[in-house]
Structure formats: C-alpha cells, structure tokens
C-alpha cells in the first residue's frame, strides 16, 4: 500500500518552483473553496490530517479530550486518486462546522457536502460519481435551496454558524421563498 499512498502524499518538483498536488495541498484549497461558499470555518477545531481506514469516509473525532478532527478516507480510495479527491472534498466541507461525535449532521449539511464534492472532484481530477441514496435527496434539496437564493449557505450561517443547529425557521429567515416542506427536510437528521 505504501507505493499507492506515495501518489497521494509524495510531491515532486515540476518546474519553476511549482510542485505536484498532494491530498494535503488539495485539502488547503478545498477548505478555501468551502469557505467561499459557506463562510469561514470554525477555527476552534484543529485539523490533524488525513488517514485511510475502513470502507466509509468520515470526519473522525479522536477521543483526546481536545477539539481535534481527522479526515478518514476509505482504504479503497488509497489506490484511486480520483476517488480519494472526491471523498476528501466531501469531508473538507464538513470541516466548516465540525459538530463533534455527539452532533449528527443534518440532511442540509450532507447535501451541501455532496454538492461540493461533485463540483470539486470534477474540477481537480475530472472524477465523478453519481450521488446515491441517502445522499441524492439532500443534494437535490440543497440545489433547490440555492436555486431560490444563491447565497443561501452564507445567509444561513450568518444566522447560525453551527450547521447541526440549523432549524427550519433559520432557513426560512435566510430564504423566505423556501417552502415549509423543504425546510423541514433539510433540517432532518441525516441517516447514519
């Protein structure tokens, strides 16, 4: 596996002071892009890095008693740069507002992360994968929300920066045209 991971973390000099991208440099760019959509990330959390573990990518909160967060990508992604980039983009958006192990993400956040990963993985690696259940519905709902107000994410976070605490009332204050049904769906707990 070391040879495979080398493609993700070992950079090489290309020319004139330019180096090849790694997952680490991608993460920096992805956070900057995420902040341009959803406002500044919660800086009270320390991002420890990226690791590969198991079958499911996630933001992982080590039991250190500190506000630490790790991005875990699937072991399968260790052998596929496009898939690793795709998973990393999703988890990078989660870093905007980490909820810790006790706060489950809302469909709103998962839809936002899925929308972001689709756009970013295509831009950086020309990699795509269709959103599947249970992510497809929340992504479509976020698309609908942004169709009503392209700055909806910024406007919502101006009212409540912690994504796991967003309520239908907050969404409706930020986007008055949103229906009660859509606001309720967006604020439902995402199935784990």
N, C-alpha and C. Protein backbone atom coordinates (compact mmCIF):
# COMPACT_ATOMS: atom_id res chain seq x y z
N UNK A 1 0.82 -1.19 0.00
CA UNK A 1 0.00 0.00 0.00
C UNK A 1 0.86 1.25 0.00
N UNK A 2 2.10 1.17 0.47
CA UNK A 2 2.96 2.35 0.53
C UNK A 2 3.15 2.94 -0.86
N UNK A 3 3.35 2.11 -1.87
CA UNK A 3 3.52 2.61 -3.23
C UNK A 3 2.29 3.35 -3.73
N UNK A 4 1.12 2.86 -3.37
CA UNK A 4 -0.12 3.52 -3.77
C UNK A 4 -0.26 4.85 -3.06
N UNK A 5 -0.01 4.88 -1.76
CA UNK A 5 -0.15 6.11 -0.99
C UNK A 5 0.86 7.16 -1.42
N UNK A 6 1.99 6.73 -1.93
CA UNK A 6 3.01 7.66 -2.40
C UNK A 6 2.40 8.65 -3.40
N UNK A 7 1.49 8.18 -4.22
CA UNK A 7 0.87 9.06 -5.21
C UNK A 7 0.00 10.14 -4.56
N UNK A 8 -0.39 9.94 -3.33
CA UNK A 8 -1.25 10.91 -2.64
C UNK A 8 -0.46 11.91 -1.79
N UNK A 9 0.69 11.51 -1.26
CA UNK A 9 1.38 12.34 -0.29
C UNK A 9 2.79 12.76 -0.67
N UNK A 10 3.41 12.10 -1.62
CA UNK A 10 4.76 12.49 -2.01
C UNK A 10 4.66 13.38 -3.24
N UNK A 11 5.12 14.60 -3.09
CA UNK A 11 5.06 15.55 -4.20
C UNK A 11 6.34 15.44 -5.02
N UNK A 12 6.34 16.10 -6.13
CA UNK A 12 7.55 16.17 -6.96
C UNK A 12 7.63 17.57 -7.55
N UNK A 13 8.84 18.01 -7.77
CA UNK A 13 9.07 19.31 -8.36
C UNK A 13 8.76 19.23 -9.85
N UNK A 14 7.91 20.13 -10.32
CA UNK A 14 7.55 20.13 -11.73
C UNK A 14 8.45 21.10 -12.50
N UNK A 15 8.43 22.38 -12.14
CA UNK A 15 9.32 23.38 -12.73
C UNK A 15 9.07 24.73 -12.08
N UNK A 16 10.05 25.60 -12.16
CA UNK A 16 9.94 26.99 -11.68
C UNK A 16 9.29 27.11 -10.30
N UNK A 17 9.67 26.26 -9.38
CA UNK A 17 9.14 26.34 -8.03
C UNK A 17 7.74 25.79 -7.87
N UNK A 18 7.22 25.10 -8.88
CA UNK A 18 5.89 24.50 -8.83
C UNK A 18 6.03 23.02 -8.48
N UNK A 19 5.19 22.57 -7.57
CA UNK A 19 5.20 21.18 -7.15
C UNK A 19 3.87 20.52 -7.47
N UNK A 20 3.90 19.21 -7.65
CA UNK A 20 2.68 18.45 -7.93
C UNK A 20 1.77 18.49 -6.70
N UNK A 21 0.46 18.44 -6.94
CA UNK A 21 -0.53 18.46 -5.88
C UNK A 21 -0.53 17.13 -5.12
N UNK A 22 -0.79 17.22 -3.83
CA UNK A 22 -0.99 16.05 -2.99
C UNK A 22 -2.33 16.21 -2.28
N UNK A 23 -2.77 15.20 -1.57
CA UNK A 23 -4.02 15.35 -0.82
C UNK A 23 -3.91 16.47 0.21
N UNK A 24 -2.74 16.67 0.76
CA UNK A 24 -2.54 17.74 1.75
C UNK A 24 -2.76 19.12 1.11
N UNK A 25 -2.18 19.35 -0.06
CA UNK A 25 -2.38 20.65 -0.71
C UNK A 25 -3.80 20.78 -1.23
N UNK A 26 -4.38 19.69 -1.71
CA UNK A 26 -5.79 19.73 -2.09
C UNK A 26 -6.65 20.17 -0.90
N UNK A 27 -6.39 19.60 0.27
CA UNK A 27 -7.20 19.93 1.45
C UNK A 27 -7.19 21.44 1.70
N UNK A 28 -6.03 22.05 1.62
CA UNK A 28 -5.96 23.50 1.81
C UNK A 28 -6.82 24.26 0.82
N UNK A 29 -6.74 23.87 -0.44
CA UNK A 29 -7.55 24.53 -1.47
C UNK A 29 -9.04 24.25 -1.28
N UNK A 30 -9.37 23.04 -0.89
CA UNK A 30 -10.78 22.69 -0.70
C UNK A 30 -11.39 23.47 0.45
N UNK A 31 -10.63 23.64 1.52
CA UNK A 31 -11.15 24.43 2.65
C UNK A 31 -11.40 25.88 2.21
N UNK A 32 -10.46 26.44 1.46
CA UNK A 32 -10.64 27.80 0.96
C UNK A 32 -11.88 27.91 0.08
N UNK A 33 -12.08 26.94 -0.80
CA UNK A 33 -13.28 26.92 -1.66
C UNK A 33 -14.54 26.76 -0.83
N UNK A 34 -14.50 25.88 0.16
CA UNK A 34 -15.66 25.66 1.03
C UNK A 34 -16.01 26.95 1.77
N UNK A 35 -15.00 27.67 2.24
CA UNK A 35 -15.25 28.93 2.94
C UNK A 35 -15.85 29.98 2.00
N UNK A 36 -15.53 29.92 0.73
CA UNK A 36 -16.11 30.90 -0.21
C UNK A 36 -17.60 30.64 -0.44
N UNK A 37 -18.05 29.44 -0.12
CA UNK A 37 -19.46 29.07 -0.26
C UNK A 37 -20.21 29.19 1.06
N UNK A 38 -19.53 28.82 2.14
CA UNK A 38 -20.22 28.67 3.43
C UNK A 38 -19.63 29.52 4.56
N UNK A 39 -18.82 30.49 4.27
CA UNK A 39 -18.18 31.38 5.26
C UNK A 39 -17.05 30.66 5.99
N UNK A 40 -16.34 31.40 6.81
CA UNK A 40 -15.15 30.88 7.50
C UNK A 40 -15.47 29.67 8.35
N UNK A 41 -14.52 28.76 8.39
CA UNK A 41 -14.69 27.55 9.20
C UNK A 41 -14.51 27.88 10.67
N UNK A 42 -15.00 27.00 11.51
CA UNK A 42 -14.87 27.13 12.95
C UNK A 42 -13.42 26.82 13.33
N UNK A 43 -12.66 27.86 13.65
CA UNK A 43 -11.23 27.72 13.93
C UNK A 43 -10.94 27.15 15.32
N UNK A 44 -11.96 26.88 16.11
CA UNK A 44 -11.73 26.28 17.42
C UNK A 44 -11.37 24.79 17.31
N UNK A 45 -11.56 24.22 16.11
CA UNK A 45 -11.20 22.82 15.86
C UNK A 45 -9.85 22.75 15.17
N UNK A 46 -9.00 21.81 15.60
CA UNK A 46 -7.70 21.58 14.98
C UNK A 46 -7.82 20.39 14.04
N UNK A 47 -7.45 20.60 12.79
CA UNK A 47 -7.45 19.52 11.81
C UNK A 47 -6.12 18.79 11.92
N UNK A 48 -6.18 17.51 12.28
CA UNK A 48 -4.95 16.75 12.50
C UNK A 48 -4.37 16.16 11.22
N UNK A 49 -5.21 15.92 10.21
CA UNK A 49 -4.68 15.38 8.97
C UNK A 49 -5.63 14.40 8.32
N UNK A 50 -5.06 13.61 7.43
CA UNK A 50 -5.81 12.66 6.60
C UNK A 50 -5.27 11.27 6.86
N UNK A 51 -6.19 10.29 6.96
CA UNK A 51 -5.78 8.89 7.08
C UNK A 51 -6.75 8.03 6.29
N UNK A 52 -6.35 6.80 6.04
CA UNK A 52 -7.19 5.84 5.33
C UNK A 52 -7.59 4.76 6.31
N UNK A 53 -8.91 4.47 6.36
CA UNK A 53 -9.39 3.47 7.29
C UNK A 53 -10.75 2.94 6.84
N UNK A 54 -10.91 1.65 6.83
CA UNK A 54 -12.21 1.03 6.61
C UNK A 54 -12.83 1.32 5.25
N UNK A 55 -14.16 1.24 5.22
CA UNK A 55 -14.90 1.38 3.98
C UNK A 55 -15.64 2.70 3.82
N UNK A 56 -15.75 3.47 4.89
CA UNK A 56 -16.60 4.66 4.87
C UNK A 56 -15.80 5.91 5.20
N UNK A 57 -15.74 6.87 4.25
CA UNK A 57 -15.06 8.13 4.58
C UNK A 57 -15.86 8.89 5.63
N UNK A 58 -15.17 9.66 6.45
CA UNK A 58 -15.84 10.40 7.52
C UNK A 58 -14.90 11.42 8.14
N UNK A 59 -15.50 12.35 8.87
CA UNK A 59 -14.70 13.16 9.80
C UNK A 59 -14.72 12.38 11.10
N UNK A 60 -13.55 12.18 11.65
CA UNK A 60 -13.38 11.35 12.84
C UNK A 60 -12.86 12.23 13.97
N UNK A 61 -13.44 12.03 15.15
CA UNK A 61 -13.05 12.81 16.33
C UNK A 61 -12.34 11.89 17.31
N UNK A 62 -11.00 11.93 17.35
CA UNK A 62 -10.29 11.06 18.28
C UNK A 62 -10.66 11.40 19.73
N UNK A 63 -10.66 10.43 20.56
CA UNK A 63 -11.05 10.62 21.96
C UNK A 63 -9.86 11.16 22.76
N UNK A 64 -9.51 12.40 22.46
CA UNK A 64 -8.35 13.01 23.12
C UNK A 64 -8.75 14.03 24.17
N UNK A 65 -10.04 14.37 24.24
CA UNK A 65 -10.47 15.42 25.15
C UNK A 65 -10.24 16.81 24.56
N UNK A 66 -9.69 16.86 23.37
CA UNK A 66 -9.43 18.11 22.68
C UNK A 66 -10.39 18.25 21.50
N UNK A 67 -10.45 19.44 20.95
CA UNK A 67 -11.28 19.66 19.75
C UNK A 67 -10.43 19.35 18.52
N UNK A 68 -10.20 18.06 18.32
CA UNK A 68 -9.41 17.57 17.20
C UNK A 68 -10.31 16.85 16.23
N UNK A 69 -10.01 16.97 14.94
CA UNK A 69 -10.77 16.28 13.90
C UNK A 69 -9.79 15.73 12.86
N UNK A 70 -10.09 14.53 12.39
CA UNK A 70 -9.28 13.84 11.39
C UNK A 70 -10.18 13.53 10.20
N UNK A 71 -9.65 13.63 9.01
CA UNK A 71 -10.38 13.17 7.83
C UNK A 71 -9.97 11.73 7.58
N UNK A 72 -10.96 10.85 7.56
CA UNK A 72 -10.72 9.46 7.21
C UNK A 72 -11.30 9.19 5.83
N UNK A 73 -10.44 8.73 4.94
CA UNK A 73 -10.87 8.30 3.62
C UNK A 73 -10.90 6.78 3.61
N UNK A 74 -11.67 6.19 2.72
CA UNK A 74 -11.76 4.73 2.69
C UNK A 74 -10.44 4.12 2.23
N UNK A 75 -10.19 2.90 2.68
CA UNK A 75 -8.96 2.21 2.25
C UNK A 75 -8.95 2.01 0.75
N UNK A 76 -10.12 1.81 0.15
CA UNK A 76 -10.21 1.65 -1.30
C UNK A 76 -9.71 2.90 -2.02
N UNK A 77 -9.94 4.06 -1.44
CA UNK A 77 -9.51 5.32 -2.06
C UNK A 77 -8.00 5.48 -2.04
N UNK A 78 -7.31 4.69 -1.21
CA UNK A 78 -5.85 4.77 -1.19
C UNK A 78 -5.25 4.38 -2.54
N UNK A 79 -5.98 3.59 -3.31
CA UNK A 79 -5.48 3.16 -4.61
C UNK A 79 -6.10 3.90 -5.78
N UNK A 80 -6.87 4.96 -5.52
CA UNK A 80 -7.57 5.66 -6.59
C UNK A 80 -7.57 7.15 -6.29
N UNK A 81 -6.72 7.88 -6.96
CA UNK A 81 -6.56 9.32 -6.68
C UNK A 81 -7.86 10.09 -6.89
N UNK A 82 -8.61 9.77 -7.93
CA UNK A 82 -9.88 10.45 -8.17
C UNK A 82 -10.86 10.23 -7.03
N UNK A 83 -10.97 8.98 -6.60
CA UNK A 83 -11.88 8.66 -5.50
C UNK A 83 -11.42 9.31 -4.20
N UNK A 84 -10.12 9.32 -3.96
CA UNK A 84 -9.59 9.97 -2.75
C UNK A 84 -9.91 11.47 -2.77
N UNK A 85 -9.76 12.11 -3.92
CA UNK A 85 -10.07 13.53 -4.05
C UNK A 85 -11.56 13.78 -3.82
N UNK A 86 -12.38 12.92 -4.38
CA UNK A 86 -13.83 13.01 -4.24
C UNK A 86 -14.23 12.92 -2.77
N UNK A 87 -13.71 11.93 -2.07
CA UNK A 87 -14.02 11.77 -0.65
C UNK A 87 -13.46 12.94 0.17
N UNK A 88 -12.26 13.37 -0.15
CA UNK A 88 -11.63 14.47 0.58
C UNK A 88 -12.45 15.75 0.45
N UNK A 89 -12.97 16.03 -0.74
CA UNK A 89 -13.76 17.25 -0.93
C UNK A 89 -15.00 17.23 -0.04
N UNK A 90 -15.67 16.10 0.04
CA UNK A 90 -16.86 15.97 0.88
C UNK A 90 -16.50 16.26 2.34
N UNK A 91 -15.46 15.61 2.82
CA UNK A 91 -15.07 15.78 4.23
C UNK A 91 -14.53 17.18 4.50
N UNK A 92 -13.91 17.81 3.51
CA UNK A 92 -13.41 19.18 3.69
C UNK A 92 -14.56 20.13 3.99
N UNK A 93 -15.69 19.95 3.32
CA UNK A 93 -16.85 20.81 3.60
C UNK A 93 -17.35 20.58 5.03
N UNK A 94 -17.27 19.35 5.52
CA UNK A 94 -17.67 19.09 6.91
C UNK A 94 -16.79 19.87 7.90
N UNK A 95 -15.56 20.20 7.50
CA UNK A 95 -14.65 20.92 8.39
C UNK A 95 -15.06 22.37 8.61
N UNK A 96 -16.00 22.87 7.84
CA UNK A 96 -16.51 24.23 8.03
C UNK A 96 -17.13 24.36 9.42
N UNK A 97 -17.83 23.32 9.84
CA UNK A 97 -18.56 23.39 11.11
C UNK A 97 -18.58 22.00 11.77
N UNK A 98 -17.44 21.54 12.29
CA UNK A 98 -17.44 20.21 12.92
C UNK A 98 -18.39 20.19 14.12
N UNK A 99 -19.13 19.12 14.21
CA UNK A 99 -20.10 19.00 15.30
C UNK A 99 -19.62 18.13 16.44
N UNK A 100 -18.48 17.49 16.27
CA UNK A 100 -18.01 16.57 17.28
C UNK A 100 -18.80 15.27 17.20
N UNK A 101 -18.40 14.29 17.98
CA UNK A 101 -19.04 12.97 17.89
C UNK A 101 -20.49 12.96 18.38
N UNK A 102 -20.88 13.95 19.16
CA UNK A 102 -22.23 13.93 19.75
C UNK A 102 -23.29 14.62 18.89
N UNK A 103 -22.92 15.29 17.82
CA UNK A 103 -23.88 16.03 16.99
C UNK A 103 -23.95 15.45 15.59
N UNK A 104 -25.04 14.79 15.28
CA UNK A 104 -25.24 14.18 13.96
C UNK A 104 -25.55 15.26 12.93
N UNK A 105 -25.02 15.08 11.74
CA UNK A 105 -25.24 16.04 10.65
C UNK A 105 -26.70 16.04 10.21
N UNK A 106 -27.15 17.19 9.78
CA UNK A 106 -28.47 17.33 9.17
C UNK A 106 -28.38 16.99 7.69
N UNK A 107 -29.51 16.70 7.08
CA UNK A 107 -29.55 16.48 5.63
C UNK A 107 -29.02 17.70 4.88
N UNK A 108 -29.26 18.89 5.40
CA UNK A 108 -28.75 20.13 4.84
C UNK A 108 -27.23 20.07 4.66
N UNK A 109 -26.51 19.68 5.71
CA UNK A 109 -25.05 19.61 5.65
C UNK A 109 -24.59 18.53 4.69
N UNK A 110 -25.20 17.36 4.74
CA UNK A 110 -24.78 16.26 3.86
C UNK A 110 -25.06 16.60 2.40
N UNK A 111 -26.18 17.27 2.14
CA UNK A 111 -26.47 17.70 0.77
C UNK A 111 -25.46 18.72 0.27
N UNK A 112 -25.08 19.64 1.15
CA UNK A 112 -24.08 20.65 0.81
C UNK A 112 -22.73 19.98 0.53
N UNK A 113 -22.34 19.03 1.37
CA UNK A 113 -21.06 18.33 1.18
C UNK A 113 -21.06 17.52 -0.12
N UNK A 114 -22.17 16.89 -0.43
CA UNK A 114 -22.27 16.09 -1.65
C UNK A 114 -22.20 16.97 -2.88
N UNK A 115 -22.89 18.08 -2.85
CA UNK A 115 -22.86 19.04 -3.96
C UNK A 115 -21.43 19.55 -4.17
N UNK A 116 -20.76 19.86 -3.08
CA UNK A 116 -19.40 20.38 -3.12
C UNK A 116 -18.44 19.32 -3.68
N UNK A 117 -18.55 18.08 -3.21
CA UNK A 117 -17.62 17.05 -3.68
C UNK A 117 -17.78 16.80 -5.17
N UNK A 118 -19.01 16.84 -5.66
CA UNK A 118 -19.23 16.62 -7.09
C UNK A 118 -18.52 17.69 -7.91
N UNK A 119 -18.67 18.93 -7.54
CA UNK A 119 -18.07 20.04 -8.29
C UNK A 119 -16.55 20.03 -8.19
N UNK A 120 -16.04 19.86 -6.99
CA UNK A 120 -14.60 19.97 -6.75
C UNK A 120 -13.84 18.78 -7.33
N UNK A 121 -14.34 17.57 -7.15
CA UNK A 121 -13.63 16.39 -7.68
C UNK A 121 -13.56 16.45 -9.21
N UNK A 122 -14.62 16.98 -9.82
CA UNK A 122 -14.58 17.11 -11.27
C UNK A 122 -13.57 18.19 -11.68
N UNK A 123 -13.57 19.31 -10.98
CA UNK A 123 -12.66 20.40 -11.32
C UNK A 123 -11.19 19.99 -11.19
N UNK A 124 -10.85 19.26 -10.13
CA UNK A 124 -9.45 18.95 -9.85
C UNK A 124 -8.96 17.65 -10.47
N UNK A 125 -9.83 16.65 -10.56
CA UNK A 125 -9.38 15.33 -11.03
C UNK A 125 -10.20 14.77 -12.18
N UNK A 126 -11.20 15.51 -12.66
CA UNK A 126 -12.13 15.01 -13.69
C UNK A 126 -12.73 13.68 -13.25
N UNK A 127 -13.05 13.61 -11.96
CA UNK A 127 -13.64 12.40 -11.37
C UNK A 127 -15.08 12.70 -10.99
N UNK A 128 -15.98 11.78 -11.32
CA UNK A 128 -17.36 11.94 -10.90
C UNK A 128 -17.95 10.59 -10.52
N UNK A 129 -18.95 10.66 -9.70
CA UNK A 129 -19.70 9.50 -9.26
C UNK A 129 -21.09 10.01 -8.91
N UNK A 130 -22.12 9.42 -9.47
CA UNK A 130 -23.47 9.95 -9.17
C UNK A 130 -23.82 9.79 -7.69
N UNK A 131 -24.47 10.82 -7.15
CA UNK A 131 -24.90 10.75 -5.75
C UNK A 131 -25.93 9.63 -5.61
N UNK A 132 -25.71 8.79 -4.61
CA UNK A 132 -26.61 7.67 -4.37
C UNK A 132 -27.33 7.92 -3.05
N UNK A 133 -28.39 7.13 -2.82
CA UNK A 133 -29.08 7.20 -1.54
C UNK A 133 -28.10 6.84 -0.44
N UNK A 134 -28.16 7.50 0.68
CA UNK A 134 -29.13 8.51 1.09
C UNK A 134 -28.70 9.94 0.77
N UNK A 135 -27.66 10.13 -0.08
CA UNK A 135 -27.12 11.47 -0.35
C UNK A 135 -27.84 12.21 -1.48
N UNK A 136 -28.45 11.48 -2.41
CA UNK A 136 -29.05 12.11 -3.59
C UNK A 136 -30.17 13.08 -3.23
N UNK A 137 -31.06 12.69 -2.33
CA UNK A 137 -32.17 13.57 -1.94
C UNK A 137 -31.71 14.86 -1.28
N UNK A 138 -30.83 14.78 -0.27
CA UNK A 138 -30.34 16.03 0.34
C UNK A 138 -29.60 16.93 -0.64
N UNK A 139 -28.85 16.34 -1.57
CA UNK A 139 -28.15 17.15 -2.58
C UNK A 139 -29.18 17.89 -3.44
N UNK A 140 -30.22 17.18 -3.88
CA UNK A 140 -31.27 17.82 -4.69
C UNK A 140 -31.97 18.93 -3.90
N UNK A 141 -32.16 18.72 -2.60
CA UNK A 141 -32.78 19.75 -1.76
C UNK A 141 -31.90 20.98 -1.64
N UNK A 142 -30.59 20.79 -1.48
CA UNK A 142 -29.67 21.93 -1.41
C UNK A 142 -29.64 22.64 -2.76
N UNK A 143 -29.65 21.89 -3.85
CA UNK A 143 -29.71 22.51 -5.18
C UNK A 143 -30.96 23.40 -5.29
N UNK A 144 -32.09 22.89 -4.81
CA UNK A 144 -33.34 23.65 -4.85
C UNK A 144 -33.24 24.91 -3.99
N UNK A 145 -32.66 24.78 -2.81
CA UNK A 145 -32.48 25.93 -1.92
C UNK A 145 -31.62 27.00 -2.59
N UNK A 146 -30.50 26.57 -3.19
CA UNK A 146 -29.61 27.54 -3.85
C UNK A 146 -30.24 28.13 -5.11
N UNK A 147 -31.18 27.43 -5.72
CA UNK A 147 -31.94 27.99 -6.83
C UNK A 147 -32.81 29.15 -6.39
N UNK A 148 -33.27 29.10 -5.15
CA UNK A 148 -34.09 30.18 -4.60
C UNK A 148 -33.24 31.37 -4.14
N UNK A 149 -32.02 31.05 -3.67
CA UNK A 149 -31.12 32.09 -3.18
C UNK A 149 -29.68 31.58 -3.29
N UNK A 150 -28.91 32.04 -4.29
CA UNK A 150 -27.54 31.54 -4.47
C UNK A 150 -26.63 31.77 -3.27
N UNK A 151 -26.95 32.72 -2.41
CA UNK A 151 -26.11 32.96 -1.22
C UNK A 151 -26.74 32.35 0.04
N UNK A 152 -27.63 31.38 -0.14
CA UNK A 152 -28.36 30.80 1.00
C UNK A 152 -27.45 30.24 2.08
N UNK A 153 -26.38 29.59 1.70
CA UNK A 153 -25.50 28.96 2.70
C UNK A 153 -24.87 30.04 3.58
N UNK A 154 -24.34 31.08 2.96
CA UNK A 154 -23.75 32.21 3.71
C UNK A 154 -24.80 32.87 4.60
N UNK A 155 -25.99 33.07 4.04
CA UNK A 155 -27.05 33.74 4.79
C UNK A 155 -27.50 32.90 5.99
N UNK A 156 -27.58 31.60 5.81
CA UNK A 156 -27.96 30.71 6.91
C UNK A 156 -26.88 30.71 7.98
N UNK A 157 -25.63 30.61 7.56
CA UNK A 157 -24.54 30.58 8.56
C UNK A 157 -24.37 31.92 9.27
N UNK A 158 -24.81 33.01 8.66
CA UNK A 158 -24.77 34.30 9.35
C UNK A 158 -25.74 34.29 10.52
N UNK A 159 -26.82 33.52 10.39
CA UNK A 159 -27.81 33.40 11.47
C UNK A 159 -27.43 32.30 12.47
N UNK A 160 -26.86 31.20 11.96
CA UNK A 160 -26.44 30.07 12.82
C UNK A 160 -25.21 29.42 12.19
N UNK A 161 -24.02 29.69 12.73
CA UNK A 161 -22.80 29.14 12.13
C UNK A 161 -22.62 27.63 12.31
N UNK A 162 -23.28 27.06 13.29
CA UNK A 162 -23.13 25.61 13.55
C UNK A 162 -24.19 24.86 12.73
N UNK A 163 -23.73 24.18 11.71
CA UNK A 163 -24.65 23.55 10.76
C UNK A 163 -25.61 22.56 11.40
N UNK A 164 -25.19 21.87 12.43
CA UNK A 164 -26.06 20.87 13.07
C UNK A 164 -27.17 21.50 13.90
N UNK A 165 -27.13 22.83 14.09
CA UNK A 165 -28.17 23.53 14.84
C UNK A 165 -29.12 24.34 13.97
N UNK A 166 -28.96 24.24 12.66
CA UNK A 166 -29.85 24.97 11.76
C UNK A 166 -31.26 24.39 11.89
N UNK A 167 -32.23 25.27 11.95
CA UNK A 167 -33.64 24.88 12.08
C UNK A 167 -34.42 25.33 10.83
N UNK A 168 -35.61 24.78 10.63
CA UNK A 168 -36.43 25.26 9.51
C UNK A 168 -36.69 26.77 9.59
N UNK A 169 -36.85 27.28 10.79
CA UNK A 169 -37.09 28.73 10.97
C UNK A 169 -35.89 29.54 10.50
N UNK A 170 -34.70 29.08 10.79
CA UNK A 170 -33.50 29.79 10.34
C UNK A 170 -33.42 29.77 8.82
N UNK A 171 -33.67 28.62 8.23
CA UNK A 171 -33.64 28.53 6.76
C UNK A 171 -34.68 29.48 6.16
N UNK A 172 -35.86 29.53 6.74
CA UNK A 172 -36.91 30.40 6.20
C UNK A 172 -36.61 31.88 6.41
N UNK A 173 -35.89 32.21 7.47
CA UNK A 173 -35.46 33.61 7.64
C UNK A 173 -34.43 33.99 6.59
N UNK A 174 -33.53 33.06 6.28
CA UNK A 174 -32.48 33.34 5.30
C UNK A 174 -33.00 33.28 3.87
N UNK A 175 -33.97 32.40 3.64
CA UNK A 175 -34.52 32.21 2.29
C UNK A 175 -36.04 32.21 2.42
N UNK A 176 -36.67 33.40 2.43
CA UNK A 176 -38.11 33.49 2.67
C UNK A 176 -38.97 32.71 1.67
N UNK A 177 -38.46 32.46 0.47
CA UNK A 177 -39.24 31.75 -0.55
C UNK A 177 -39.28 30.24 -0.34
N UNK A 178 -38.48 29.73 0.59
CA UNK A 178 -38.41 28.27 0.78
C UNK A 178 -39.73 27.76 1.39
N UNK A 179 -40.15 26.59 0.95
CA UNK A 179 -41.38 26.00 1.49
C UNK A 179 -41.12 25.36 2.84
N UNK A 180 -42.17 25.22 3.63
CA UNK A 180 -42.06 24.53 4.92
C UNK A 180 -41.55 23.10 4.73
N UNK A 181 -42.05 22.43 3.71
CA UNK A 181 -41.67 21.04 3.46
C UNK A 181 -40.17 20.92 3.18
N UNK A 182 -39.64 21.79 2.32
CA UNK A 182 -38.21 21.75 2.00
C UNK A 182 -37.38 22.08 3.23
N UNK A 183 -37.77 23.11 3.97
CA UNK A 183 -37.03 23.49 5.18
C UNK A 183 -37.01 22.34 6.20
N UNK A 184 -38.12 21.67 6.36
CA UNK A 184 -38.19 20.53 7.29
C UNK A 184 -37.29 19.39 6.83
N UNK A 185 -37.33 19.10 5.54
CA UNK A 185 -36.47 18.01 5.01
C UNK A 185 -35.00 18.33 5.22
N UNK A 186 -34.61 19.57 4.93
CA UNK A 186 -33.22 19.97 5.09
C UNK A 186 -32.75 19.85 6.54
N UNK A 187 -33.66 20.06 7.47
CA UNK A 187 -33.28 20.04 8.89
C UNK A 187 -33.51 18.69 9.56
N UNK A 188 -33.83 17.68 8.78
CA UNK A 188 -33.96 16.34 9.38
C UNK A 188 -32.57 15.77 9.61
N UNK A 189 -32.45 14.95 10.64
CA UNK A 189 -31.16 14.29 10.91
C UNK A 189 -30.85 13.34 9.77
N UNK A 190 -29.62 13.38 9.31
CA UNK A 190 -29.19 12.50 8.23
C UNK A 190 -29.06 11.09 8.75
N UNK A 191 -29.56 10.10 8.01
CA UNK A 191 -29.46 8.72 8.50
C UNK A 191 -28.01 8.26 8.55
N UNK A 192 -27.66 7.54 9.59
CA UNK A 192 -26.27 7.05 9.70
C UNK A 192 -26.20 5.59 9.36
